[in-house]
Amino acid sequence: MKAVESTQAPSKITENSYGGWECLCGNEATAYGFYPINDQNEEVEPTPDEWTTNLYACFQCGRLIDVDSLEIVRQIPVSEIRKAS
């Protein structure tokens, strides 16, 4: 009997040998980057007052990443992420 392979996408981003992140879309910190966001999908400074979600957003594909586990918690359209000016 042939083994059935899972078609479920990986649920985590990866770290390269230098400690940098690589998203499933291929984005890296040196390309579009990853930025902390709040619960209104706004880019914020990673301070306790502003950054209460513990999430980073991939600015190429909109995946939201838990900073502690590197798990992808959901994905939103990049157009919904409000970048800091």
PDB file of N, CA and C in Angstrom:
ATOM      1  N   MET A   1       0.852  -1.178   0.000  1.00  0.00           N
ATOM      2  CA  MET A   1       0.000   0.000   0.000  1.00  0.00           C
ATOM      3  C   MET A   1       0.895   1.238   0.000  1.00  0.00           C
ATOM      4  N   LYS A   2       0.580   2.183  -0.860  1.00  0.00           N
ATOM      5  CA  LYS A   2       1.358   3.404  -0.973  1.00  0.00           C
ATOM      6  C   LYS A   2       1.009   4.362   0.161  1.00  0.00           C
ATOM      7  N   ALA A   3       2.042   4.979   0.752  1.00  0.00           N
ATOM      8  CA  ALA A   3       1.818   5.943   1.832  1.00  0.00           C
ATOM      9  C   ALA A   3       1.182   7.207   1.262  1.00  0.00           C
ATOM     10  N   VAL A   4       0.283   7.783   2.018  1.00  0.00           N
ATOM     11  CA  VAL A   4      -0.376   9.015   1.617  1.00  0.00           C
ATOM     12  C   VAL A   4       0.403  10.175   2.206  1.00  0.00           C
ATOM     13  N   GLU A   5       0.778  11.109   1.339  1.00  0.00           N
ATOM     14  CA  GLU A   5       1.511  12.276   1.808  1.00  0.00           C
ATOM     15  C   GLU A   5       0.545  13.375   2.193  1.00  0.00           C
ATOM     16  N   SER A   6       0.905  14.114   3.220  1.00  0.00           N
ATOM     17  CA  SER A   6       0.076  15.231   3.658  1.00  0.00           C
ATOM     18  C   SER A   6       0.208  16.388   2.679  1.00  0.00           C
ATOM     19  N   THR A   7      -0.900  17.034   2.372  1.00  0.00           N
ATOM     20  CA  THR A   7      -0.879  18.215   1.520  1.00  0.00           C
ATOM     21  C   THR A   7      -0.983  19.486   2.347  1.00  0.00           C
ATOM     22  N   GLN A   8      -0.977  19.338   3.664  1.00  0.00           N
ATOM     23  CA  GLN A   8      -1.066  20.493   4.540  1.00  0.00           C
ATOM     24  C   GLN A   8       0.246  21.275   4.475  1.00  0.00           C
ATOM     25  N   ALA A   9       0.148  22.581   4.306  1.00  0.00           N
ATOM     26  CA  ALA A   9       1.328  23.431   4.217  1.00  0.00           C
ATOM     27  C   ALA A   9       2.037  23.492   5.569  1.00  0.00           C
ATOM     28  N   PRO A  10       3.358  23.689   5.560  1.00  0.00           N
ATOM     29  CA  PRO A  10       4.074  23.855   6.823  1.00  0.00           C
ATOM     30  C   PRO A  10       3.491  25.024   7.600  1.00  0.00           C
ATOM     31  N   SER A  11       3.486  24.916   8.901  1.00  0.00           N
ATOM     32  CA  SER A  11       2.867  25.962   9.711  1.00  0.00           C
ATOM     33  C   SER A  11       3.881  26.826  10.442  1.00  0.00           C
ATOM     34  N   LYS A  12       5.150  26.710  10.066  1.00  0.00           N
ATOM     35  CA  LYS A  12       6.190  27.522  10.696  1.00  0.00           C
ATOM     36  C   LYS A  12       7.111  28.094   9.639  1.00  0.00           C
ATOM     37  N   ILE A  13       7.687  29.251   9.962  1.00  0.00           N
ATOM     38  CA  ILE A  13       8.743  29.770   9.114  1.00  0.00           C
ATOM     39  C   ILE A  13      10.043  29.148   9.602  1.00  0.00           C
ATOM     40  N   THR A  14      11.112  29.351   8.863  1.00  0.00           N
ATOM     41  CA  THR A  14      12.394  28.755   9.238  1.00  0.00           C
ATOM     42  C   THR A  14      13.414  29.828   9.569  1.00  0.00           C
ATOM     43  N   GLU A  15      14.421  29.414  10.312  1.00  0.00           N
ATOM     44  CA  GLU A  15      15.561  30.274  10.599  1.00  0.00           C
ATOM     45  C   GLU A  15      16.737  29.755   9.816  1.00  0.00           C
ATOM     46  N   ASN A  16      17.489  30.680   9.185  1.00  0.00           N
ATOM     47  CA  ASN A  16      18.679  30.243   8.472  1.00  0.00           C
ATOM     48  C   ASN A  16      19.849  30.095   9.446  1.00  0.00           C
ATOM     49  N   SER A  17      20.994  29.733   8.948  1.00  0.00           N
ATOM     50  CA  SER A  17      22.144  29.480   9.823  1.00  0.00           C
ATOM     51  C   SER A  17      22.654  30.745  10.506  1.00  0.00           C
ATOM     52  N   TYR A  18      22.214  31.914  10.035  1.00  0.00           N
ATOM     53  CA  TYR A  18      22.616  33.180  10.648  1.00  0.00           C
ATOM     54  C   TYR A  18      21.570  33.705  11.631  1.00  0.00           C
ATOM     55  N   GLY A  19      20.496  32.953  11.824  1.00  0.00           N
ATOM     56  CA  GLY A  19      19.447  33.369  12.740  1.00  0.00           C
ATOM     57  C   GLY A  19      18.373  34.227  12.104  1.00  0.00           C
ATOM     58  N   GLY A  20      18.484  34.478  10.804  1.00  0.00           N
ATOM     59  CA  GLY A  20      17.470  35.256  10.095  1.00  0.00           C
ATOM     60  C   GLY A  20      16.287  34.386   9.716  1.00  0.00           C
ATOM     61  N   TRP A  21      15.141  34.995   9.559  1.00  0.00           N
ATOM     62  CA  TRP A  21      13.928  34.265   9.209  1.00  0.00           C
ATOM     63  C   TRP A  21      13.767  34.155   7.712  1.00  0.00           C
ATOM     64  N   GLU A  22      13.137  33.051   7.286  1.00  0.00           N
ATOM     65  CA  GLU A  22      12.697  32.918   5.904  1.00  0.00           C
ATOM     66  C   GLU A  22      11.263  32.420   5.918  1.00  0.00           C
ATOM     67  N   CYS A  23      10.380  33.214   5.310  1.00  0.00           N
ATOM     68  CA  CYS A  23       8.963  32.867   5.259  1.00  0.00           C
ATOM     69  C   CYS A  23       8.736  31.803   4.193  1.00  0.00           C
ATOM     70  N   LEU A  24       7.586  31.169   4.243  1.00  0.00           N
ATOM     71  CA  LEU A  24       7.229  30.171   3.242  1.00  0.00           C
ATOM     72  C   LEU A  24       7.158  30.776   1.847  1.00  0.00           C
ATOM     73  N   CYS A  25       6.912  32.079   1.752  1.00  0.00           N
ATOM     74  CA  CYS A  25       6.841  32.757   0.453  1.00  0.00           C
ATOM     75  C   CYS A  25       8.224  33.091  -0.097  1.00  0.00           C
ATOM     76  N   GLY A  26       9.271  32.867   0.704  1.00  0.00           N
ATOM     77  CA  GLY A  26      10.633  33.168   0.278  1.00  0.00           C
ATOM     78  C   GLY A  26      11.168  34.485   0.805  1.00  0.00           C
ATOM     79  N   ASN A  27      10.325  35.294   1.443  1.00  0.00           N
ATOM     80  CA  ASN A  27      10.759  36.566   2.001  1.00  0.00           C
ATOM     81  C   ASN A  27      11.776  36.350   3.115  1.00  0.00           C
ATOM     82  N   GLU A  28      12.737  37.258   3.179  1.00  0.00           N
ATOM     83  CA  GLU A  28      13.726  37.285   4.257  1.00  0.00           C
ATOM     84  C   GLU A  28      13.778  38.691   4.830  1.00  0.00           C
ATOM     85  N   ALA A  29      14.422  38.829   5.976  1.00  0.00           N
ATOM     86  CA  ALA A  29      14.519  40.134   6.632  1.00  0.00           C
ATOM     87  C   ALA A  29      15.208  41.167   5.742  1.00  0.00           C
ATOM     88  N   THR A  30      16.106  40.724   4.887  1.00  0.00           N
ATOM     89  CA  THR A  30      16.826  41.656   4.020  1.00  0.00           C
ATOM     90  C   THR A  30      16.055  42.003   2.749  1.00  0.00           C
ATOM     91  N   ALA A  31      14.908  41.388   2.548  1.00  0.00           N
ATOM     92  CA  ALA A  31      14.072  41.682   1.373  1.00  0.00           C
ATOM     93  C   ALA A  31      12.913  42.571   1.814  1.00  0.00           C
ATOM     94  N   TYR A  32      11.693  42.052   1.812  1.00  0.00           N
ATOM     95  CA  TYR A  32      10.534  42.822   2.272  1.00  0.00           C
ATOM     96  C   TYR A  32      10.518  42.965   3.790  1.00  0.00           C
ATOM     97  N   GLY A  33      11.022  41.965   4.482  1.00  0.00           N
ATOM     98  CA  GLY A  33      11.151  42.044   5.920  1.00  0.00           C
ATOM     99  C   GLY A  33       9.948  41.559   6.704  1.00  0.00           C
ATOM    100  N   PHE A  34      10.125  41.594   8.018  1.00  0.00           N
ATOM    101  CA  PHE A  34       9.119  41.187   8.999  1.00  0.00           C
ATOM    102  C   PHE A  34       9.037  42.297  10.036  1.00  0.00           C
ATOM    103  N   TYR A  35       7.820  42.669  10.408  1.00  0.00           N
ATOM    104  CA  TYR A  35       7.660  43.789  11.325  1.00  0.00           C
ATOM    105  C   TYR A  35       6.610  43.478  12.384  1.00  0.00           C
ATOM    106  N   PRO A  36       6.836  43.962  13.620  1.00  0.00           N
ATOM    107  CA  PRO A  36       5.851  43.753  14.680  1.00  0.00           C
ATOM    108  C   PRO A  36       4.578  44.518  14.371  1.00  0.00           C
ATOM    109  N   ILE A  37       3.435  43.877  14.624  1.00  0.00           N
ATOM    110  CA  ILE A  37       2.148  44.532  14.395  1.00  0.00           C
ATOM    111  C   ILE A  37       1.258  44.408  15.628  1.00  0.00           C
ATOM    112  N   ASN A  38       0.309  45.333  15.729  1.00  0.00           N
ATOM    113  CA  ASN A  38      -0.658  45.277  16.827  1.00  0.00           C
ATOM    114  C   ASN A  38      -1.938  44.587  16.359  1.00  0.00           C
ATOM    115  N   ASP A  39      -2.969  44.600  17.192  1.00  0.00           N
ATOM    116  CA  ASP A  39      -4.208  43.896  16.839  1.00  0.00           C
ATOM    117  C   ASP A  39      -5.061  44.648  15.814  1.00  0.00           C
ATOM    118  N   GLN A  40      -4.629  45.846  15.405  1.00  0.00           N
ATOM    119  CA  GLN A  40      -5.293  46.556  14.304  1.00  0.00           C
ATOM    120  C   GLN A  40      -4.484  46.422  13.007  1.00  0.00           C
ATOM    121  N   ASN A  41      -3.538  45.485  13.003  1.00  0.00           N
ATOM    122  CA  ASN A  41      -2.666  45.237  11.840  1.00  0.00           C
ATOM    123  C   ASN A  41      -1.820  46.449  11.468  1.00  0.00           C
ATOM    124  N   GLU A  42      -1.397  47.198  12.476  1.00  0.00           N
ATOM    125  CA  GLU A  42      -0.542  48.359  12.271  1.00  0.00           C
ATOM    126  C   GLU A  42       0.879  48.011  12.704  1.00  0.00           C
ATOM    127  N   GLU A  43       1.845  48.425  11.902  1.00  0.00           N
ATOM    128  CA  GLU A  43       3.238  48.250  12.294  1.00  0.00           C
ATOM    129  C   GLU A  43       3.511  49.113  13.517  1.00  0.00           C
ATOM    130  N   VAL A  44       4.158  48.533  14.528  1.00  0.00           N
ATOM    131  CA  VAL A  44       4.437  49.247  15.769  1.00  0.00           C
ATOM    132  C   VAL A  44       5.870  48.983  16.220  1.00  0.00           C
ATOM    133  N   GLU A  45       6.322  49.792  17.153  1.00  0.00           N
ATOM    134  CA  GLU A  45       7.602  49.533  17.795  1.00  0.00           C
ATOM    135  C   GLU A  45       7.423  48.342  18.739  1.00  0.00           C
ATOM    136  N   PRO A  46       8.418  47.472  18.843  1.00  0.00           N
ATOM    137  CA  PRO A  46       8.273  46.296  19.715  1.00  0.00           C
ATOM    138  C   PRO A  46       8.487  46.623  21.195  1.00  0.00           C
ATOM    139  N   THR A  47       7.634  47.494  21.711  1.00  0.00           N
ATOM    140  CA  THR A  47       7.676  47.865  23.122  1.00  0.00           C
ATOM    141  C   THR A  47       6.464  47.256  23.823  1.00  0.00           C
ATOM    142  N   PRO A  48       6.532  47.048  25.127  1.00  0.00           N
ATOM    143  CA  PRO A  48       5.386  46.468  25.849  1.00  0.00           C
ATOM    144  C   PRO A  48       4.093  47.269  25.681  1.00  0.00           C
ATOM    145  N   ASP A  49       4.193  48.578  25.563  1.00  0.00           N
ATOM    146  CA  ASP A  49       2.983  49.397  25.426  1.00  0.00           C
ATOM    147  C   ASP A  49       2.351  49.279  24.042  1.00  0.00           C
ATOM    148  N   GLU A  50       3.162  49.250  22.999  1.00  0.00           N
ATOM    149  CA  GLU A  50       2.632  49.251  21.640  1.00  0.00           C
ATOM    150  C   GLU A  50       2.407  47.864  21.058  1.00  0.00           C
ATOM    151  N   TRP A  51       3.247  46.926  21.435  1.00  0.00           N
ATOM    152  CA  TRP A  51       3.240  45.609  20.791  1.00  0.00           C
ATOM    153  C   TRP A  51       2.700  44.566  21.757  1.00  0.00           C
ATOM    154  N   THR A  52       1.412  44.355  21.732  1.00  0.00           N
ATOM    155  CA  THR A  52       0.763  43.445  22.678  1.00  0.00           C
ATOM    156  C   THR A  52       0.395  42.100  22.058  1.00  0.00           C
ATOM    157  N   THR A  53       0.610  41.939  20.748  1.00  0.00           N
ATOM    158  CA  THR A  53       0.176  40.720  20.065  1.00  0.00           C
ATOM    159  C   THR A  53       1.227  39.618  20.024  1.00  0.00           C
ATOM    160  N   ASN A  54       2.506  39.979  20.153  1.00  0.00           N
ATOM    161  CA  ASN A  54       3.609  39.024  20.016  1.00  0.00           C
ATOM    162  C   ASN A  54       3.688  38.481  18.587  1.00  0.00           C
ATOM    163  N   LEU A  55       3.154  39.235  17.611  1.00  0.00           N
ATOM    164  CA  LEU A  55       3.136  38.805  16.216  1.00  0.00           C
ATOM    165  C   LEU A  55       3.999  39.701  15.338  1.00  0.00           C
ATOM    166  N   TYR A  56       4.642  39.064  14.407  1.00  0.00           N
ATOM    167  CA  TYR A  56       5.331  39.762  13.323  1.00  0.00           C
ATOM    168  C   TYR A  56       4.574  39.477  12.041  1.00  0.00           C
ATOM    169  N   ALA A  57       4.563  40.430  11.119  1.00  0.00           N
ATOM    170  CA  ALA A  57       3.929  40.247   9.821  1.00  0.00           C
ATOM    171  C   ALA A  57       4.995  40.136   8.744  1.00  0.00           C
ATOM    172  N   CYS A  58       4.816  39.204   7.843  1.00  0.00           N
ATOM    173  CA  CYS A  58       5.646  39.120   6.646  1.00  0.00           C
ATOM    174  C   CYS A  58       5.112  40.177   5.692  1.00  0.00           C
ATOM    175  N   PHE A  59       5.958  41.125   5.313  1.00  0.00           N
ATOM    176  CA  PHE A  59       5.510  42.212   4.456  1.00  0.00           C
ATOM    177  C   PHE A  59       5.492  41.842   2.991  1.00  0.00           C
ATOM    178  N   GLN A  60       5.741  40.576   2.673  1.00  0.00           N
ATOM    179  CA  GLN A  60       5.594  40.130   1.291  1.00  0.00           C
ATOM    180  C   GLN A  60       4.278  39.405   1.078  1.00  0.00           C
ATOM    181  N   CYS A  61       3.883  38.540   2.046  1.00  0.00           N
ATOM    182  CA  CYS A  61       2.690  37.715   1.820  1.00  0.00           C
ATOM    183  C   CYS A  61       1.588  37.899   2.860  1.00  0.00           C
ATOM    184  N   GLY A  62       1.869  38.591   3.973  1.00  0.00           N
ATOM    185  CA  GLY A  62       0.841  38.833   4.981  1.00  0.00           C
ATOM    186  C   GLY A  62       0.685  37.745   6.025  1.00  0.00           C
ATOM    187  N   ARG A  63       1.575  36.761   6.033  1.00  0.00           N
ATOM    188  CA  ARG A  63       1.498  35.752   7.103  1.00  0.00           C
ATOM    189  C   ARG A  63       1.862  36.411   8.428  1.00  0.00           C
ATOM    190  N   LEU A  64       1.131  36.047   9.485  1.00  0.00           N
ATOM    191  CA  LEU A  64       1.389  36.571  10.821  1.00  0.00           C
ATOM    192  C   LEU A  64       2.062  35.475  11.624  1.00  0.00           C
ATOM    193  N   ILE A  65       3.189  35.811  12.221  1.00  0.00           N
ATOM    194  CA  ILE A  65       4.079  34.835  12.835  1.00  0.00           C
ATOM    195  C   ILE A  65       4.217  35.113  14.321  1.00  0.00           C
ATOM    196  N   ASP A  66       4.000  34.088  15.140  1.00  0.00           N
ATOM    197  CA  ASP A  66       4.229  34.190  16.582  1.00  0.00           C
ATOM    198  C   ASP A  66       5.739  34.234  16.794  1.00  0.00           C
ATOM    199  N   VAL A  67       6.216  35.288  17.429  1.00  0.00           N
ATOM    200  CA  VAL A  67       7.656  35.506  17.557  1.00  0.00           C
ATOM    201  C   VAL A  67       8.344  34.438  18.414  1.00  0.00           C
ATOM    202  N   ASP A  68       7.649  33.848  19.354  1.00  0.00           N
ATOM    203  CA  ASP A  68       8.271  32.845  20.229  1.00  0.00           C
ATOM    204  C   ASP A  68       8.381  31.470  19.573  1.00  0.00           C
ATOM    205  N   SER A  69       7.336  31.051  18.887  1.00  0.00           N
ATOM    206  CA  SER A  69       7.308  29.700  18.316  1.00  0.00           C
ATOM    207  C   SER A  69       7.616  29.659  16.821  1.00  0.00           C
ATOM    208  N   LEU A  70       7.587  30.824  16.164  1.00  0.00           N
ATOM    209  CA  LEU A  70       7.728  30.946  14.707  1.00  0.00           C
ATOM    210  C   LEU A  70       6.585  30.288  13.950  1.00  0.00           C
ATOM    211  N   GLU A  71       5.492  29.980  14.653  1.00  0.00           N
ATOM    212  CA  GLU A  71       4.316  29.415  14.003  1.00  0.00           C
ATOM    213  C   GLU A  71       3.549  30.499  13.265  1.00  0.00           C
ATOM    214  N   ILE A  72       3.007  30.115  12.125  1.00  0.00           N
ATOM    215  CA  ILE A  72       2.149  31.009  11.372  1.00  0.00           C
ATOM    216  C   ILE A  72       0.744  30.868  11.947  1.00  0.00           C
ATOM    217  N   VAL A  73       0.213  31.966  12.462  1.00  0.00           N
ATOM    218  CA  VAL A  73      -1.090  31.893  13.120  1.00  0.00           C
ATOM    219  C   VAL A  73      -2.246  32.198  12.183  1.00  0.00           C
ATOM    220  N   ARG A  74      -1.987  33.012  11.149  1.00  0.00           N
ATOM    221  CA  ARG A  74      -2.981  33.281  10.123  1.00  0.00           C
ATOM    222  C   ARG A  74      -2.315  34.106   9.029  1.00  0.00           C
ATOM    223  N   GLN A  75      -3.086  34.384   7.990  1.00  0.00           N
ATOM    224  CA  GLN A  75      -2.579  35.202   6.896  1.00  0.00           C
ATOM    225  C   GLN A  75      -3.630  36.227   6.523  1.00  0.00           C
ATOM    226  N   ILE A  76      -3.178  37.460   6.310  1.00  0.00           N
ATOM    227  CA  ILE A  76      -4.075  38.538   5.908  1.00  0.00           C
ATOM    228  C   ILE A  76      -3.519  39.160   4.622  1.00  0.00           C
ATOM    229  N   PRO A  77      -4.356  39.860   3.866  1.00  0.00           N
ATOM    230  CA  PRO A  77      -3.832  40.552   2.690  1.00  0.00           C
ATOM    231  C   PRO A  77      -2.806  41.615   3.114  1.00  0.00           C
ATOM    232  N   VAL A  78      -1.717  41.697   2.393  1.00  0.00           N
ATOM    233  CA  VAL A  78      -0.685  42.688   2.714  1.00  0.00           C
ATOM    234  C   VAL A  78      -1.272  44.093   2.719  1.00  0.00           C
ATOM    235  N   SER A  79      -2.262  44.324   1.895  1.00  0.00           N
ATOM    236  CA  SER A  79      -2.892  45.652   1.829  1.00  0.00           C
ATOM    237  C   SER A  79      -3.581  46.047   3.140  1.00  0.00           C
ATOM    238  N   GLU A  80      -3.838  45.079   4.011  1.00  0.00           N
ATOM    239  CA  GLU A  80      -4.472  45.364   5.302  1.00  0.00           C
ATOM    240  C   GLU A  80      -3.460  45.721   6.382  1.00  0.00           C
ATOM    241  N   ILE A  81      -2.181  45.583   6.086  1.00  0.00           N
ATOM    242  CA  ILE A  81      -1.136  45.933   7.059  1.00  0.00           C
ATOM    243  C   ILE A  81      -0.807  47.407   6.876  1.00  0.00           C
ATOM    244  N   ARG A  82      -0.976  48.168   7.948  1.00  0.00           N
ATOM    245  CA  ARG A  82      -0.687  49.602   7.870  1.00  0.00           C
ATOM    246  C   ARG A  82       0.738  49.832   8.353  1.00  0.00           C
ATOM    247  N   LYS A  83       1.581  50.263   7.427  1.00  0.00           N
ATOM    248  CA  LYS A  83       2.991  50.485   7.723  1.00  0.00           C
ATOM    249  C   LYS A  83       3.178  51.809   8.447  1.00  0.00           C
ATOM    250  N   ALA A  84       4.155  51.815   9.334  1.00  0.00           N
ATOM    251  CA  ALA A  84       4.480  53.053  10.048  1.00  0.00           C
ATOM    252  C   ALA A  84       5.049  54.057   9.059  1.00  0.00           C
ATOM    253  N   SER A  85       4.769  55.323   9.326  1.00  0.00           N
ATOM    254  CA  SER A  85       5.301  56.329   8.400  1.00  0.00           C
ATOM    255  C   SER A  85       6.557  56.969   8.920  1.00  0.00           C
TER     256      SER A  85
END
